[in-house]
Full PDB file with SEQRES, HELIX, SHEET, SSBOND, CRYST1, ORIGX, SCALE, CONECT and MASTER records, all heavy atoms in Angstrom:
SEQRES   1 A   32  ASN ARG GLU LEU ILE SER PRO LEU VAL ALA ARG PHE ASN          
SEQRES   2 A   32  SER MET LEU ASN LEU GLU PRO GLY ALA GLU VAL ALA LEU          
SEQRES   3 A   32  PRO GLU LEU ILE ASP TYR                                      
HELIX    1 AA1 ARG A    2  MET A   15  1                                  14    
CRYST1    1.000    1.000    1.000  90.00  90.00  90.00 P 1           1          
ORIGX1      1.000000  0.000000  0.000000        0.00000                         
ORIGX2      0.000000  1.000000  0.000000        0.00000                         
ORIGX3      0.000000  0.000000  1.000000        0.00000                         
SCALE1      1.000000  0.000000  0.000000        0.00000                         
SCALE2      0.000000  1.000000  0.000000        0.00000                         
SCALE3      0.000000  0.000000  1.000000        0.00000                         
ATOM      1  N   ASN A   1       1.039  -8.654  11.730  1.00  0.00           N  
ATOM      2  CA  ASN A   1       0.142  -7.528  11.490  1.00  0.00           C  
ATOM      3  C   ASN A   1       0.908  -6.299  11.065  1.00  0.00           C  
ATOM      4  O   ASN A   1       0.505  -5.535  10.228  1.00  0.00           O  
ATOM      5  CB  ASN A   1      -0.699  -7.272  12.712  1.00  0.00           C  
ATOM      6  CG  ASN A   1      -1.951  -8.138  12.795  1.00  0.00           C  
ATOM      7  OD1 ASN A   1      -3.009  -7.788  12.245  1.00  0.00           O  
ATOM      8  ND2 ASN A   1      -1.815  -9.278  13.372  1.00  0.00           N  
ATOM      9  N   ARG A   2       2.109  -6.072  11.715  1.00  0.00           N  
ATOM     10  CA  ARG A   2       2.880  -4.877  11.347  1.00  0.00           C  
ATOM     11  C   ARG A   2       3.365  -4.968   9.915  1.00  0.00           C  
ATOM     12  O   ARG A   2       3.505  -4.006   9.184  1.00  0.00           O  
ATOM     13  CB  ARG A   2       4.018  -4.777  12.324  1.00  0.00           C  
ATOM     14  CG  ARG A   2       3.617  -4.199  13.656  1.00  0.00           C  
ATOM     15  CD  ARG A   2       4.799  -4.185  14.619  1.00  0.00           C  
ATOM     16  NE  ARG A   2       4.437  -3.544  15.898  1.00  0.00           N  
ATOM     17  CZ  ARG A   2       5.265  -3.504  16.958  1.00  0.00           C  
ATOM     18  NH1 ARG A   2       6.439  -4.118  16.904  1.00  0.00           N  
ATOM     19  NH2 ARG A   2       4.899  -2.928  18.073  1.00  0.00           N  
ATOM     20  N   GLU A   3       3.662  -6.195   9.453  1.00  0.00           N  
ATOM     21  CA  GLU A   3       4.134  -6.360   8.036  1.00  0.00           C  
ATOM     22  C   GLU A   3       3.035  -6.126   7.026  1.00  0.00           C  
ATOM     23  O   GLU A   3       3.301  -5.816   5.887  1.00  0.00           O  
ATOM     24  CB  GLU A   3       4.657  -7.825   7.873  1.00  0.00           C  
ATOM     25  CG  GLU A   3       5.953  -8.059   8.605  1.00  0.00           C  
ATOM     26  CD  GLU A   3       6.405  -9.540   8.464  1.00  0.00           C  
ATOM     27  OE1 GLU A   3       5.562 -10.363   8.027  1.00  0.00           O  
ATOM     28  OE2 GLU A   3       7.533  -9.870   8.799  1.00  0.00           O  
ATOM     29  N   LEU A   4       1.761  -6.198   7.485  1.00  0.00           N  
ATOM     30  CA  LEU A   4       0.640  -5.936   6.596  1.00  0.00           C  
ATOM     31  C   LEU A   4       0.383  -4.461   6.386  1.00  0.00           C  
ATOM     32  O   LEU A   4      -0.232  -4.061   5.385  1.00  0.00           O  
ATOM     33  CB  LEU A   4      -0.629  -6.610   7.126  1.00  0.00           C  
ATOM     34  CG  LEU A   4      -0.665  -8.158   7.123  1.00  0.00           C  
ATOM     35  CD1 LEU A   4      -1.927  -8.595   7.799  1.00  0.00           C  
ATOM     36  CD2 LEU A   4      -0.612  -8.693   5.691  1.00  0.00           C  
ATOM     37  N   ILE A   5       0.794  -3.651   7.335  1.00  0.00           N  
ATOM     38  CA  ILE A   5       0.398  -2.200   7.347  1.00  0.00           C  
ATOM     39  C   ILE A   5       1.021  -1.496   6.162  1.00  0.00           C  
ATOM     40  O   ILE A   5       0.365  -0.690   5.442  1.00  0.00           O  
ATOM     41  CB  ILE A   5       0.758  -1.538   8.660  1.00  0.00           C  
ATOM     42  CG1 ILE A   5      -0.098  -2.096   9.815  1.00  0.00           C  
ATOM     43  CG2 ILE A   5       0.651  -0.057   8.582  1.00  0.00           C  
ATOM     44  CD1 ILE A   5       0.237  -1.571  11.180  1.00  0.00           C  
ATOM     45  N   SER A   6       2.315  -1.686   5.887  1.00  0.00           N  
ATOM     46  CA  SER A   6       2.984  -0.935   4.826  1.00  0.00           C  
ATOM     47  C   SER A   6       2.404  -1.183   3.457  1.00  0.00           C  
ATOM     48  O   SER A   6       2.092  -0.213   2.712  1.00  0.00           O  
ATOM     49  CB  SER A   6       4.490  -1.332   4.830  1.00  0.00           C  
ATOM     50  OG  SER A   6       5.170  -0.599   3.856  1.00  0.00           O  
ATOM     51  N   PRO A   7       2.074  -2.400   3.030  1.00  0.00           N  
ATOM     52  CA  PRO A   7       1.411  -2.584   1.753  1.00  0.00           C  
ATOM     53  C   PRO A   7       0.025  -2.054   1.666  1.00  0.00           C  
ATOM     54  O   PRO A   7      -0.405  -1.479   0.660  1.00  0.00           O  
ATOM     55  CB  PRO A   7       1.364  -4.157   1.598  1.00  0.00           C  
ATOM     56  CG  PRO A   7       2.392  -4.680   2.483  1.00  0.00           C  
ATOM     57  CD  PRO A   7       2.482  -3.697   3.640  1.00  0.00           C  
ATOM     58  N   LEU A   8      -0.659  -2.099   2.842  1.00  0.00           N  
ATOM     59  CA  LEU A   8      -2.008  -1.492   2.820  1.00  0.00           C  
ATOM     60  C   LEU A   8      -1.946   0.050   2.686  1.00  0.00           C  
ATOM     61  O   LEU A   8      -2.815   0.623   1.989  1.00  0.00           O  
ATOM     62  CB  LEU A   8      -2.748  -1.830   4.163  1.00  0.00           C  
ATOM     63  CG  LEU A   8      -3.221  -3.298   4.307  1.00  0.00           C  
ATOM     64  CD1 LEU A   8      -3.758  -3.549   5.698  1.00  0.00           C  
ATOM     65  CD2 LEU A   8      -4.223  -3.685   3.249  1.00  0.00           C  
ATOM     66  N   VAL A   9      -1.003   0.639   3.317  1.00  0.00           N  
ATOM     67  CA  VAL A   9      -0.793   2.116   3.216  1.00  0.00           C  
ATOM     68  C   VAL A   9      -0.464   2.473   1.763  1.00  0.00           C  
ATOM     69  O   VAL A   9      -0.968   3.422   1.177  1.00  0.00           O  
ATOM     70  CB  VAL A   9       0.282   2.585   4.165  1.00  0.00           C  
ATOM     71  CG1 VAL A   9       0.659   4.039   3.824  1.00  0.00           C  
ATOM     72  CG2 VAL A   9      -0.199   2.495   5.581  1.00  0.00           C  
ATOM     73  N   ALA A  10       0.464   1.682   1.147  1.00  0.00           N  
ATOM     74  CA  ALA A  10       0.847   1.989  -0.276  1.00  0.00           C  
ATOM     75  C   ALA A  10      -0.321   1.868  -1.230  1.00  0.00           C  
ATOM     76  O   ALA A  10      -0.533   2.629  -2.139  1.00  0.00           O  
ATOM     77  CB  ALA A  10       1.996   1.037  -0.685  1.00  0.00           C  
ATOM     78  N   ARG A  11      -1.155   0.798  -1.007  1.00  0.00           N  
ATOM     79  CA  ARG A  11      -2.304   0.570  -1.916  1.00  0.00           C  
ATOM     80  C   ARG A  11      -3.290   1.684  -1.675  1.00  0.00           C  
ATOM     81  O   ARG A  11      -3.872   2.196  -2.698  1.00  0.00           O  
ATOM     82  CB  ARG A  11      -2.962  -0.798  -1.532  1.00  0.00           C  
ATOM     83  CG  ARG A  11      -4.113  -1.150  -2.470  1.00  0.00           C  
ATOM     84  CD  ARG A  11      -4.695  -2.434  -2.081  1.00  0.00           C  
ATOM     85  NE  ARG A  11      -5.453  -2.358  -0.817  1.00  0.00           N  
ATOM     86  CZ  ARG A  11      -6.170  -3.365  -0.294  1.00  0.00           C  
ATOM     87  NH1 ARG A  11      -6.197  -4.520  -0.941  1.00  0.00           N  
ATOM     88  NH2 ARG A  11      -6.829  -3.212   0.823  1.00  0.00           N  
ATOM     89  N   PHE A  12      -3.564   2.105  -0.474  1.00  0.00           N  
ATOM     90  CA  PHE A  12      -4.502   3.157  -0.213  1.00  0.00           C  
ATOM     91  C   PHE A  12      -4.024   4.499  -0.833  1.00  0.00           C  
ATOM     92  O   PHE A  12      -4.805   5.237  -1.476  1.00  0.00           O  
ATOM     93  CB  PHE A  12      -4.681   3.328   1.283  1.00  0.00           C  
ATOM     94  CG  PHE A  12      -5.736   4.368   1.701  1.00  0.00           C  
ATOM     95  CD1 PHE A  12      -7.092   3.985   1.624  1.00  0.00           C  
ATOM     96  CD2 PHE A  12      -5.425   5.594   2.126  1.00  0.00           C  
ATOM     97  CE1 PHE A  12      -8.089   4.908   1.981  1.00  0.00           C  
ATOM     98  CE2 PHE A  12      -6.366   6.478   2.513  1.00  0.00           C  
ATOM     99  CZ  PHE A  12      -7.716   6.130   2.428  1.00  0.00           C  
ATOM    100  N   ASN A  13      -2.737   4.814  -0.699  1.00  0.00           N  
ATOM    101  CA  ASN A  13      -2.232   6.063  -1.246  1.00  0.00           C  
ATOM    102  C   ASN A  13      -2.207   6.077  -2.757  1.00  0.00           C  
ATOM    103  O   ASN A  13      -2.397   7.153  -3.308  1.00  0.00           O  
ATOM    104  CB  ASN A  13      -0.789   6.320  -0.710  1.00  0.00           C  
ATOM    105  CG  ASN A  13      -0.758   6.789   0.701  1.00  0.00           C  
ATOM    106  OD1 ASN A  13      -1.677   7.430   1.161  1.00  0.00           O  
ATOM    107  ND2 ASN A  13       0.325   6.461   1.410  1.00  0.00           N  
ATOM    108  N   SER A  14      -2.050   4.939  -3.383  1.00  0.00           N  
ATOM    109  CA  SER A  14      -2.055   4.855  -4.835  1.00  0.00           C  
ATOM    110  C   SER A  14      -3.414   5.252  -5.382  1.00  0.00           C  
ATOM    111  O   SER A  14      -3.461   5.908  -6.447  1.00  0.00           O  
ATOM    112  CB  SER A  14      -1.675   3.462  -5.288  1.00  0.00           C  
ATOM    113  OG  SER A  14      -2.686   2.551  -4.993  1.00  0.00           O  
ATOM    114  N   MET A  15      -4.457   4.972  -4.682  1.00  0.00           N  
ATOM    115  CA  MET A  15      -5.795   5.357  -5.183  1.00  0.00           C  
ATOM    116  C   MET A  15      -6.069   6.867  -4.982  1.00  0.00           C  
ATOM    117  O   MET A  15      -6.931   7.366  -5.684  1.00  0.00           O  
ATOM    118  CB  MET A  15      -6.884   4.533  -4.424  1.00  0.00           C  
ATOM    119  CG  MET A  15      -6.889   3.048  -4.832  1.00  0.00           C  
ATOM    120  SD  MET A  15      -8.139   2.083  -3.976  1.00  0.00           S  
ATOM    121  CE  MET A  15      -7.339   1.814  -2.385  1.00  0.00           C  
ATOM    122  N   LEU A  16      -5.343   7.455  -4.076  1.00  0.00           N  
ATOM    123  CA  LEU A  16      -5.509   8.895  -3.860  1.00  0.00           C  
ATOM    124  C   LEU A  16      -4.438   9.710  -4.609  1.00  0.00           C  
ATOM    125  O   LEU A  16      -4.325  10.910  -4.534  1.00  0.00           O  
ATOM    126  CB  LEU A  16      -5.383   9.209  -2.370  1.00  0.00           C  
ATOM    127  CG  LEU A  16      -6.628   9.166  -1.568  1.00  0.00           C  
ATOM    128  CD1 LEU A  16      -7.150   7.726  -1.470  1.00  0.00           C  
ATOM    129  CD2 LEU A  16      -6.429   9.719  -0.129  1.00  0.00           C  
ATOM    130  N   ASN A  17      -3.582   8.973  -5.375  1.00  0.00           N  
ATOM    131  CA  ASN A  17      -2.525   9.583  -6.201  1.00  0.00           C  
ATOM    132  C   ASN A  17      -1.550  10.303  -5.262  1.00  0.00           C  
ATOM    133  O   ASN A  17      -1.060  11.431  -5.550  1.00  0.00           O  
ATOM    134  CB  ASN A  17      -3.125  10.550  -7.248  1.00  0.00           C  
ATOM    135  CG  ASN A  17      -2.091  10.884  -8.305  1.00  0.00           C  
ATOM    136  OD1 ASN A  17      -1.203  10.130  -8.596  1.00  0.00           O  
ATOM    137  ND2 ASN A  17      -2.228  12.044  -8.907  1.00  0.00           N  
ATOM    138  N   LEU A  18      -1.196   9.633  -4.181  1.00  0.00           N  
ATOM    139  CA  LEU A  18      -0.188  10.166  -3.214  1.00  0.00           C  
ATOM    140  C   LEU A  18       1.049   9.291  -3.248  1.00  0.00           C  
ATOM    141  O   LEU A  18       1.058   8.191  -3.805  1.00  0.00           O  
ATOM    142  CB  LEU A  18      -0.803  10.182  -1.754  1.00  0.00           C  
ATOM    143  CG  LEU A  18      -2.025  11.126  -1.617  1.00  0.00           C  
ATOM    144  CD1 LEU A  18      -2.564  10.932  -0.241  1.00  0.00           C  
ATOM    145  CD2 LEU A  18      -1.611  12.567  -1.814  1.00  0.00           C  
ATOM    146  N   GLU A  19       2.105   9.738  -2.578  1.00  0.00           N  
ATOM    147  CA  GLU A  19       3.317   8.944  -2.451  1.00  0.00           C  
ATOM    148  C   GLU A  19       3.041   7.666  -1.663  1.00  0.00           C  
ATOM    149  O   GLU A  19       2.232   7.711  -0.711  1.00  0.00           O  
ATOM    150  CB  GLU A  19       4.385   9.743  -1.707  1.00  0.00           C  
ATOM    151  CG  GLU A  19       4.901  10.923  -2.525  1.00  0.00           C  
ATOM    152  CD  GLU A  19       5.662  10.496  -3.775  1.00  0.00           C  
ATOM    153  OE1 GLU A  19       6.266   9.357  -3.773  1.00  0.00           O  
ATOM    154  OE2 GLU A  19       5.640  11.212  -4.776  1.00  0.00           O  
ATOM    155  N   PRO A  20       3.614   6.492  -2.074  1.00  0.00           N  
ATOM    156  CA  PRO A  20       3.281   5.242  -1.410  1.00  0.00           C  
ATOM    157  C   PRO A  20       3.485   5.284   0.084  1.00  0.00           C  
ATOM    158  O   PRO A  20       2.737   4.670   0.828  1.00  0.00           O  
ATOM    159  CB  PRO A  20       4.240   4.279  -2.100  1.00  0.00           C  
ATOM    160  CG  PRO A  20       4.537   4.882  -3.361  1.00  0.00           C  
ATOM    161  CD  PRO A  20       4.540   6.396  -3.222  1.00  0.00           C  
ATOM    162  N   GLY A  21       4.534   5.987   0.549  1.00  0.00           N  
ATOM    163  CA  GLY A  21       4.802   5.994   1.935  1.00  0.00           C  
ATOM    164  C   GLY A  21       4.170   7.111   2.737  1.00  0.00           C  
ATOM    165  O   GLY A  21       4.453   7.274   3.947  1.00  0.00           O  
ATOM    166  N   ALA A  22       3.298   7.915   2.132  1.00  0.00           N  
ATOM    167  CA  ALA A  22       2.652   9.018   2.824  1.00  0.00           C  
ATOM    168  C   ALA A  22       1.852   8.497   4.027  1.00  0.00           C  
ATOM    169  O   ALA A  22       1.195   7.479   3.926  1.00  0.00           O  
ATOM    170  CB  ALA A  22       1.748   9.813   1.846  1.00  0.00           C  
ATOM    171  N   GLU A  23       1.912   9.220   5.138  1.00  0.00           N  
ATOM    172  CA  GLU A  23       1.222   8.872   6.329  1.00  0.00           C  
ATOM    173  C   GLU A  23      -0.340   8.929   6.098  1.00  0.00           C  
ATOM    174  O   GLU A  23      -0.778   9.912   5.543  1.00  0.00           O  
ATOM    175  CB  GLU A  23       1.584   9.763   7.512  1.00  0.00           C  
ATOM    176  CG  GLU A  23       0.868   9.486   8.821  1.00  0.00           C  
ATOM    177  CD  GLU A  23       1.244   8.071   9.380  1.00  0.00           C  
ATOM    178  OE1 GLU A  23       2.329   7.549   9.000  1.00  0.00           O  
ATOM    179  OE2 GLU A  23       0.412   7.531  10.108  1.00  0.00           O  
ATOM    180  N   VAL A  24      -1.031   7.913   6.540  1.00  0.00           N  
ATOM    181  CA  VAL A  24      -2.470   7.888   6.431  1.00  0.00           C  
ATOM    182  C   VAL A  24      -3.071   8.095   7.822  1.00  0.00           C  
ATOM    183  O   VAL A  24      -2.908   7.235   8.700  1.00  0.00           O  
ATOM    184  CB  VAL A  24      -2.983   6.576   5.834  1.00  0.00           C  
ATOM    185  CG1 VAL A  24      -4.510   6.539   5.802  1.00  0.00           C  
ATOM    186  CG2 VAL A  24      -2.400   6.333   4.453  1.00  0.00           C  
ATOM    187  N   ALA A  25      -3.709   9.221   8.036  1.00  0.00           N  
ATOM    188  CA  ALA A  25      -4.343   9.479   9.306  1.00  0.00           C  
ATOM    189  C   ALA A  25      -5.691   8.805   9.409  1.00  0.00           C  
ATOM    190  O   ALA A  25      -6.457   8.791   8.472  1.00  0.00           O  
ATOM    191  CB  ALA A  25      -4.509  11.031   9.490  1.00  0.00           C  
ATOM    192  N   LEU A  26      -5.927   8.175  10.534  1.00  0.00           N  
ATOM    193  CA  LEU A  26      -7.192   7.491  10.760  1.00  0.00           C  
ATOM    194  C   LEU A  26      -7.764   7.917  12.091  1.00  0.00           C  
ATOM    195  O   LEU A  26      -7.004   8.142  13.070  1.00  0.00           O  
ATOM    196  CB  LEU A  26      -6.977   5.953  10.756  1.00  0.00           C  
ATOM    197  CG  LEU A  26      -6.547   5.327   9.432  1.00  0.00           C  
ATOM    198  CD1 LEU A  26      -6.299   3.828   9.665  1.00  0.00           C  
ATOM    199  CD2 LEU A  26      -7.601   5.526   8.371  1.00  0.00           C  
ATOM    200  N   PRO A  27      -9.099   7.993  12.223  1.00  0.00           N  
ATOM    201  CA  PRO A  27      -9.703   8.326  13.485  1.00  0.00           C  
ATOM    202  C   PRO A  27      -9.569   7.213  14.456  1.00  0.00           C  
ATOM    203  O   PRO A  27      -9.275   6.084  14.138  1.00  0.00           O  
ATOM    204  CB  PRO A  27     -11.127   8.591  13.110  1.00  0.00           C  
ATOM    205  CG  PRO A  27     -11.397   7.757  11.910  1.00  0.00           C  
ATOM    206  CD  PRO A  27     -10.069   7.779  11.155  1.00  0.00           C  
ATOM    207  N   GLU A  28      -9.835   7.516  15.796  1.00  0.00           N  
ATOM    208  CA  GLU A  28      -9.761   6.494  16.784  1.00  0.00           C  
ATOM    209  C   GLU A  28     -10.864   5.475  16.565  1.00  0.00           C  
ATOM    210  O   GLU A  28     -10.670   4.278  16.715  1.00  0.00           O  
ATOM    211  CB  GLU A  28      -9.884   7.156  18.159  1.00  0.00           C  
ATOM    212  CG  GLU A  28      -8.619   7.963  18.538  1.00  0.00           C  
ATOM    213  CD  GLU A  28      -7.398   7.092  18.736  1.00  0.00           C  
ATOM    214  OE1 GLU A  28      -7.546   5.906  19.124  1.00  0.00           O  
ATOM    215  OE2 GLU A  28      -6.323   7.556  18.424  1.00  0.00           O  
ATOM    216  N   LEU A  29     -12.044   5.938  16.319  1.00  0.00           N  
ATOM    217  CA  LEU A  29     -13.232   5.084  16.077  1.00  0.00           C  
ATOM    218  C   LEU A  29     -13.921   5.546  14.798  1.00  0.00           C  
ATOM    219  O   LEU A  29     -13.921   6.748  14.488  1.00  0.00           O  
ATOM    220  CB  LEU A  29     -14.188   5.154  17.274  1.00  0.00           C  
ATOM    221  CG  LEU A  29     -13.669   4.574  18.601  1.00  0.00           C  
ATOM    222  CD1 LEU A  29     -14.686   4.808  19.712  1.00  0.00           C  
ATOM    223  CD2 LEU A  29     -13.325   3.096  18.483  1.00  0.00           C  
ATOM    224  N   ILE A  30     -14.486   4.622  14.103  1.00  0.00           N  
ATOM    225  CA  ILE A  30     -15.224   4.906  12.861  1.00  0.00           C  
ATOM    226  C   ILE A  30     -16.606   4.398  12.937  1.00  0.00           C  
ATOM    227  O   ILE A  30     -16.924   3.450  13.665  1.00  0.00           O  
ATOM    228  CB  ILE A  30     -14.509   4.382  11.595  1.00  0.00           C  
ATOM    229  CG1 ILE A  30     -14.355   2.842  11.714  1.00  0.00           C  
ATOM    230  CG2 ILE A  30     -13.158   4.983  11.415  1.00  0.00           C  
ATOM    231  CD1 ILE A  30     -13.799   2.199  10.484  1.00  0.00           C  
ATOM    232  N   ASP A  31     -17.528   5.088  12.236  1.00  0.00           N  
ATOM    233  CA  ASP A  31     -18.940   4.637  12.090  1.00  0.00           C  
ATOM    234  C   ASP A  31     -19.020   3.696  10.948  1.00  0.00           C  
ATOM    235  O   ASP A  31     -18.774   3.992   9.783  1.00  0.00           O  
ATOM    236  CB  ASP A  31     -19.825   5.858  11.904  1.00  0.00           C  
ATOM    237  CG  ASP A  31     -21.306   5.487  11.846  1.00  0.00           C  
ATOM    238  OD1 ASP A  31     -21.595   4.305  12.210  1.00  0.00           O  
ATOM    239  OD2 ASP A  31     -22.102   6.283  11.483  1.00  0.00           O  
ATOM    240  N   TYR A  32     -19.427   2.473  11.227  1.00  0.00           N  
ATOM    241  CA  TYR A  32     -19.531   1.460  10.126  1.00  0.00           C  
ATOM    242  C   TYR A  32     -20.759   1.596   9.294  1.00  0.00           C  
ATOM    243  O   TYR A  32     -20.816   1.068   8.202  1.00  0.00           O  
ATOM    244  CB  TYR A  32     -19.532   0.041  10.766  1.00  0.00           C  
ATOM    245  CG  TYR A  32     -18.363  -0.231  11.647  1.00  0.00           C  
ATOM    246  CD1 TYR A  32     -18.558  -0.400  13.020  1.00  0.00           C  
ATOM    247  CD2 TYR A  32     -17.065  -0.225  11.172  1.00  0.00           C  
ATOM    248  CE1 TYR A  32     -17.517  -0.625  13.889  1.00  0.00           C  
ATOM    249  CE2 TYR A  32     -15.982  -0.459  12.047  1.00  0.00           C  
ATOM    250  CZ  TYR A  32     -16.228  -0.636  13.381  1.00  0.00           C  
ATOM    251  OH  TYR A  32     -15.156  -0.859  14.223  1.00  0.00           O  
TER     252      TYR A  32                                                      
MASTER        0    0    0    1    0    0    0    6  251    1    0    3          
END                                                                             
C-alpha cells in the first residue's frame, strides 16, 4: 500500500498542474 501512494500522489498533482511530489492534504473523513 505504501508503494501505491507515491504514484497516486504524482497522478493527482499532474491534473492540478503541480509538482509530482507536492504534498496532498486530505481530510480525516470525506462525504461520499
